[in-house]
Protein backbone atom coordinates (compact mmCIF):
# COMPACT_ATOMS: atom_id res chain seq x y z
CA MET A 1 0.00 -0.01 0.00
CA GLY A 2 1.21 3.48 -0.86
CA ARG A 3 1.61 6.14 1.73
CA GLU A 4 -0.93 8.94 1.48
CA THR A 5 0.50 12.40 1.00
CA SER A 6 -0.73 15.29 3.03
CA ASP A 7 -2.42 18.25 1.38
CA PRO A 8 -1.46 21.48 3.22
CA ASP A 9 -4.75 23.10 2.26
CA SER A 10 -6.91 20.32 3.71
CA ASP A 11 -4.72 20.25 6.83
CA PHE A 12 -4.99 24.02 7.24
CA PRO A 13 -7.89 24.04 9.76
CA ARG A 14 -5.99 21.65 12.05
CA ALA A 15 -2.82 23.69 11.72
CA VAL A 16 -4.71 26.91 12.54
CA ALA A 17 -6.22 25.20 15.57
CA ALA A 18 -2.70 24.26 16.75
CA LEU A 19 -1.52 27.83 16.18
CA GLU A 20 -4.53 29.21 18.02
CA GLU A 21 -3.83 26.91 20.96
CA ALA A 22 -0.17 28.00 21.00
CA VAL A 23 -1.11 31.71 20.93
CA HIS A 24 -3.65 31.27 23.74
CA ASP A 25 -1.04 29.34 25.73
CA LEU A 26 1.44 32.18 25.14
CA LEU A 27 -1.02 34.84 26.23
CA ALA A 28 -1.94 32.87 29.36
CA GLY A 29 1.71 32.19 30.13
CA GLY A 30 2.89 35.81 30.25
CA TRP A 31 4.85 35.78 26.98
CA GLU A 32 7.26 33.09 28.18
CA GLU A 33 10.07 32.59 25.66
CA ALA A 34 9.57 28.91 24.84
CA ARG A 35 5.86 29.46 24.28
CA ARG A 36 6.56 32.51 22.13
CA ARG A 37 9.01 30.58 19.97
CA ARG A 38 6.56 27.71 19.49
CA ALA A 39 3.73 30.00 18.42
CA ARG A 40 6.02 31.97 16.11
CA ASP A 41 7.46 28.82 14.55
CA LEU A 42 3.95 27.56 13.82
CA ALA A 43 2.93 30.87 12.23
CA VAL A 44 6.10 31.01 10.10
CA ALA A 45 5.66 27.39 8.94
CA LEU A 46 2.03 27.99 8.00
CA ALA A 47 2.91 31.19 6.14
CA GLN A 48 5.56 29.33 4.16
CA ALA A 49 3.22 26.43 3.38
CA THR A 50 0.15 28.30 2.22
CA ARG A 51 -0.42 29.27 -1.38
CA PHE A 52 -3.25 31.68 -0.69
CA ALA A 53 -2.60 35.39 -0.17
CA ALA A 54 -5.67 35.70 2.05
CA ARG A 55 -4.01 33.26 4.44
CA LYS A 56 -0.40 34.29 3.97
CA GLU A 57 -0.84 37.95 4.97
CA PRO A 58 -2.36 37.35 8.43
CA LEU A 59 0.15 34.58 9.10
CA GLU A 60 3.06 36.88 8.23
CA LYS A 61 1.60 39.57 10.49
CA LEU A 62 1.21 37.03 13.29
CA SER A 63 4.82 35.93 12.80
CA LEU A 64 6.05 39.50 13.14
CA LEU A 65 4.01 40.16 16.27
CA LEU A 66 5.13 36.86 17.79
CA ALA A 67 8.74 37.90 17.25
CA LEU A 68 8.36 40.68 19.82
CA THR A 69 10.26 40.20 23.06
CA LEU A 70 8.70 40.56 26.50
CA PRO A 71 10.14 44.06 27.07
CA GLU A 72 8.60 45.14 23.74
CA VAL A 73 5.26 43.54 24.59
CA VAL A 74 4.73 44.97 28.09
CA PRO A 75 3.64 48.51 27.07
CA ILE A 76 1.33 47.23 24.30
CA ARG A 77 0.07 44.00 25.88
CA ARG A 78 -3.66 44.71 25.66
CA ALA A 79 -3.60 45.96 22.05
CA LEU A 80 -1.28 43.13 21.05
CA ARG A 81 -3.59 40.52 22.54
CA GLU A 82 -6.54 41.95 20.61
CA LYS A 83 -4.58 42.06 17.35
CA LEU A 84 -3.32 38.48 17.72
CA LEU A 85 -6.85 37.22 18.37
CA ASP A 86 -8.22 39.23 15.41
CA LEU A 87 -5.59 37.74 13.09
CA LEU A 88 -6.39 34.23 14.31
CA GLU A 89 -10.07 34.86 13.65
CA SER A 90 -9.34 36.09 10.14
CA LEU A 91 -7.53 32.79 9.43
CA LYS A 92 -10.59 30.81 10.49
CA ASP A 93 -12.79 33.02 8.30
CA SER A 94 -10.82 32.33 5.08
CA PRO A 95 -12.22 29.09 3.63
CA SER A 96 -10.06 27.37 1.03
CA SER A 97 -13.03 26.76 -1.24
CA ALA A 98 -13.60 30.48 -1.72
CA GLU A 99 -9.91 31.11 -2.36
CA SER A 100 -9.42 28.31 -4.86
CA ALA A 101 -12.47 29.21 -6.93
């Protein structure tokens, strides 16, 4: 039997769910470095894997925001939290069927 290959576009909802979990974990954990790196790595990997501009742009923005260090985050924590959650929501609102049509 042949091994099935994975389609990044069909796996996208699961990957976004993992990213969302990592971001929520980061926000709950006070921007701890290991959590920040994990969330950023997921966002970067998804941005590199997606072919759709409607997905790539929010992922690239997430990656940039997740690159911020704790000292950079402290003065903008509330606004940053809102922006991260908005970007995650926009990823869930971009169905692949609409983009591939």
